[in-house]
Every structure is written in C-alpha cells, then in structure tokens.
Amino acid sequence: MTLAIVLVLVSAAALILVLSISVRSSLQLFRGNQSRQIQPIDLEAFRNLTDRAEEDYLRHRLSPPDYRRVRRLRLKAMAAYVQIVGQNAALLIHMGQLALQDSDPDTSAAAHELINDALLLRRNVAFALLRIYVAWAWTGANFASTPLLNRYQRLNGSAMLLGRLQNPAAPIRIAAL
C-alpha cells in the first residue's frame, strides 16, 4: 500500500514537472528569423540512445551499478533531445501560423499540415518527457521513442515543403540526417 502511494506521488510530481516545462516553453515568444533559431537534431544519435538492442547490450556487458549510471546518463541525453524537439515544434507552429496568411492555397495547405504535425508532436513530447523521467527514477521502466522519432521526421518533411513553397532557394531542415 505504501509503495502504491509513493508511486502515485512520484508520478504526480513528474506530471507536474513535465506540464510546467511544456507551459513555460510554449509561453516563450520568438522574434526574428525563425528558421535560424531551429536547432538540428541528429536523429541517428537519438535512435542510438533509444535502441532496445543497445540497451540490452549495455545491460549484459556492464555491472548493475555501472549500467544504472550509464542508463541515467543516456536518459538525460534523451530528455535533452526531446526538449529540443519540443522547442523546434513550437517554432514551427509559429512559422506555420505566419504562413497561413499567404494567399497561395498550396502554401496555406502546407502551413495547416505543418501546424497539425507540430501540435501533435508537442503533445507527444510532453508524454515522452514524462516517460523518460519515470524511467530515470525507476530503472526497469521502458522508453519507446519510435513514435516520437517518426513524428519528428514527418514534421521535418512538412517544414521542408512549406520552406520550398515560401522560398524555393532556402528550404528549412530541422534534422541532421
């Protein structure tokens, strides 16, 4: 019974932390050239951090205390990547909203798609951070990031399409592929 209460309290605290981070980052106003503020993500490095086979390899090769230390470092790096993904999504939402004012129907449609993808990604980022923090506190927890990575790659495609429609000479790229 005590364990259940502790888990509920820890989960509630983690949820409050994730929500406060999400609200704080969504309230920030971005000025200037938005595409210059987007931080590229190395998707291969992110995939390596979230790879189950890599996790299993480390679990079998390292002693339990070393494994827990390395896993927490990897989870910290994952959280940093996920936060950058969330910041990029917020920037792209803002850019999409600006592009909605364009009179070209193709640009407007691309802006709608970009906004929808970015909003869904922002929601997924909040849940991913919650799962990372739970996994950090509870070593046995699993973190599945494949949906987040796939959504980010789709957002990259939407941003590139909008960038090509608005300025064919300088497309936007948000992932270091």
Protein backbone atom coordinates (compact mmCIF):
# COMPACT_ATOMS: atom_id res chain seq x y z
CA MET A 1 0.00 0.00 0.00
CA THR A 2 2.83 2.40 0.88
CA LEU A 3 4.60 1.62 -2.39
CA ALA A 4 1.45 2.45 -4.35
CA ILE A 5 1.12 5.81 -2.57
CA VAL A 6 4.77 6.61 -3.24
CA LEU A 7 4.42 5.70 -6.92
CA VAL A 8 1.31 7.87 -7.25
CA LEU A 9 3.07 10.81 -5.60
CA VAL A 10 6.17 10.43 -7.77
CA SER A 11 4.02 10.15 -10.90
CA ALA A 12 2.05 13.25 -9.93
CA ALA A 13 5.26 15.19 -9.30
CA ALA A 14 6.69 14.07 -12.65
CA LEU A 15 3.49 15.06 -14.43
CA ILE A 16 3.53 18.50 -12.80
CA LEU A 17 7.18 18.92 -13.81
CA VAL A 18 6.51 17.95 -17.43
CA LEU A 19 3.45 20.17 -17.67
CA SER A 20 5.31 23.14 -16.19
CA ILE A 21 8.13 22.66 -18.70
CA SER A 22 5.63 22.44 -21.55
CA VAL A 23 3.70 25.52 -20.46
CA ARG A 24 6.86 27.53 -19.84
CA SER A 25 8.30 26.69 -23.25
CA SER A 26 5.01 27.33 -25.06
CA LEU A 27 4.69 30.79 -23.48
CA GLN A 28 8.02 31.95 -24.87
CA LEU A 29 7.75 34.42 -27.73
CA PHE A 30 10.10 34.01 -30.64
CA ARG A 31 11.18 37.01 -32.67
CA GLY A 32 13.36 37.40 -35.73
CA ASN A 33 14.13 34.83 -38.36
CA GLN A 34 12.52 31.65 -37.07
CA SER A 35 14.46 29.19 -39.21
CA ARG A 36 17.75 30.39 -37.72
CA GLN A 37 16.54 29.51 -34.22
CA ILE A 38 15.65 25.91 -35.09
CA GLN A 39 18.19 23.51 -33.65
CA PRO A 40 19.04 20.49 -35.82
CA ILE A 41 18.64 17.06 -34.27
CA ASP A 42 21.00 14.19 -35.00
CA LEU A 43 18.35 11.50 -35.49
CA GLU A 44 20.89 8.67 -35.68
CA ALA A 45 22.34 9.61 -32.29
CA PHE A 46 18.83 9.89 -30.87
CA ARG A 47 17.93 6.48 -32.32
CA ASN A 48 21.06 5.01 -30.77
CA LEU A 49 20.05 6.35 -27.36
CA THR A 50 16.61 4.76 -27.64
CA ASP A 51 17.60 1.48 -29.28
CA ARG A 52 16.44 -1.56 -27.25
CA ALA A 53 19.25 -3.71 -28.64
CA GLU A 54 21.82 -1.16 -27.46
CA GLU A 55 20.11 -1.07 -24.07
CA ASP A 56 20.20 -4.86 -23.80
CA TYR A 57 23.85 -4.91 -24.84
CA LEU A 58 24.76 -2.44 -22.11
CA ARG A 59 22.70 -4.33 -19.53
CA HIS A 60 24.59 -7.56 -20.26
CA ARG A 61 28.07 -6.01 -20.56
CA LEU A 62 28.06 -3.68 -17.54
CA SER A 63 27.78 -4.38 -13.86
CA PRO A 64 24.38 -3.36 -12.40
CA PRO A 65 25.67 -0.15 -10.73
CA ASP A 66 27.53 0.88 -13.89
CA TYR A 67 24.52 0.05 -16.03
CA ARG A 68 22.23 2.22 -13.87
CA ARG A 69 24.70 5.10 -14.05
CA VAL A 70 25.09 4.82 -17.84
CA ARG A 71 21.34 4.42 -18.32
CA ARG A 72 20.62 7.56 -16.34
CA LEU A 73 23.16 9.47 -18.44
CA ARG A 74 21.53 8.16 -21.60
CA LEU A 75 18.08 9.14 -20.30
CA LYS A 76 19.38 12.61 -19.51
CA ALA A 77 20.64 12.91 -23.09
CA MET A 78 17.29 11.63 -24.38
CA ALA A 79 15.47 14.28 -22.34
CA ALA A 80 17.71 16.97 -23.83
CA TYR A 81 16.93 15.75 -27.37
CA VAL A 82 13.21 15.59 -26.63
CA GLN A 83 13.22 19.13 -25.22
CA ILE A 84 14.91 20.40 -28.40
CA VAL A 85 12.27 18.58 -30.45
CA GLY A 86 9.58 20.38 -28.45
CA GLN A 87 11.25 23.76 -28.93
CA ASN A 88 11.57 23.16 -32.67
CA ALA A 89 7.90 22.15 -32.85
CA ALA A 90 6.90 25.38 -31.07
CA LEU A 91 8.91 27.42 -33.57
CA LEU A 92 7.35 25.58 -36.48
CA ILE A 93 3.84 26.16 -35.10
CA HIS A 94 4.62 29.87 -35.07
CA MET A 95 6.07 29.74 -38.59
CA GLY A 96 3.01 27.82 -39.81
CA GLN A 97 0.69 30.39 -38.29
CA LEU A 98 2.56 33.15 -40.13
CA ALA A 99 2.36 31.16 -43.38
CA LEU A 100 -1.42 30.75 -43.04
CA GLN A 101 -1.75 34.38 -44.08
CA ASP A 102 -0.26 33.59 -47.51
CA SER A 103 -2.70 33.88 -50.42
CA ASP A 104 -1.29 30.81 -52.19
CA PRO A 105 -3.58 27.81 -51.45
CA ASP A 106 -0.66 25.32 -51.63
CA THR A 107 1.29 27.31 -49.06
CA SER A 108 -1.77 27.61 -46.83
CA ALA A 109 -2.40 23.84 -47.04
CA ALA A 110 1.26 23.12 -46.25
CA ALA A 111 1.05 25.51 -43.30
CA HIS A 112 -2.04 23.69 -41.97
CA GLU A 113 -0.25 20.35 -42.26
CA LEU A 114 2.83 21.75 -40.53
CA ILE A 115 0.77 23.19 -37.66
CA ASN A 116 -1.17 19.94 -37.17
CA ASP A 117 2.01 17.84 -37.19
CA ALA A 118 3.80 20.22 -34.83
CA LEU A 119 0.88 20.35 -32.37
CA LEU A 120 0.70 16.57 -32.25
CA LEU A 121 4.45 16.37 -31.77
CA ARG A 122 4.31 18.90 -28.91
CA ARG A 123 1.76 16.72 -27.14
CA ASN A 124 3.92 13.64 -27.72
CA VAL A 125 6.96 15.50 -26.34
CA ALA A 126 5.18 16.10 -23.03
CA PHE A 127 4.35 12.39 -22.71
CA ALA A 128 7.85 11.36 -23.80
CA LEU A 129 9.42 13.56 -21.13
CA LEU A 130 7.13 12.05 -18.53
CA ARG A 131 8.15 8.55 -19.59
CA ILE A 132 11.85 9.50 -19.57
CA TYR A 133 11.62 10.87 -16.04
CA VAL A 134 9.74 7.78 -14.86
CA ALA A 135 12.41 5.58 -16.49
CA TRP A 136 15.10 7.68 -14.82
CA ALA A 137 13.52 7.18 -11.40
CA TRP A 138 12.61 3.54 -11.98
CA THR A 139 15.44 1.73 -13.75
CA GLY A 140 13.24 -1.12 -15.04
CA ALA A 141 10.88 1.17 -16.97
CA ASN A 142 10.97 1.04 -20.75
CA PHE A 143 11.05 4.07 -23.06
CA ALA A 144 9.69 3.59 -26.56
CA SER A 145 10.57 6.62 -28.68
CA THR A 146 9.83 5.28 -32.15
CA PRO A 147 6.53 7.21 -32.47
CA LEU A 148 8.26 10.43 -31.44
CA LEU A 149 11.10 9.92 -33.92
CA ASN A 150 8.69 9.07 -36.73
CA ARG A 151 6.53 12.11 -35.94
CA TYR A 152 9.63 14.34 -35.90
CA GLN A 153 10.73 13.04 -39.29
CA ARG A 154 7.25 13.76 -40.67
CA LEU A 155 7.41 17.27 -39.20
CA ASN A 156 10.78 17.73 -40.91
CA GLY A 157 9.15 16.84 -44.24
CA SER A 158 6.26 19.26 -43.63
CA ALA A 159 8.67 22.07 -42.73
CA MET A 160 10.76 21.43 -45.83
CA LEU A 161 7.64 21.50 -48.04
CA LEU A 162 6.49 24.80 -46.54
CA GLY A 163 10.00 26.22 -46.85
CA ARG A 164 10.19 25.23 -50.54
CA LEU A 165 6.79 26.81 -51.22
CA GLN A 166 7.67 30.06 -49.47
CA ASN A 167 11.29 30.37 -50.55
CA PRO A 168 12.48 27.75 -53.07
CA ALA A 169 16.10 28.87 -52.71
CA ALA A 170 16.36 28.19 -48.95
CA PRO A 171 14.39 25.16 -47.67
CA ILE A 172 14.13 24.55 -43.95
CA ARG A 173 15.75 21.46 -42.48
CA ILE A 174 15.26 20.55 -38.83
CA ALA A 175 17.01 17.19 -38.67
CA ALA A 176 20.63 16.31 -39.31
CA LEU A 177 20.00 13.12 -41.24
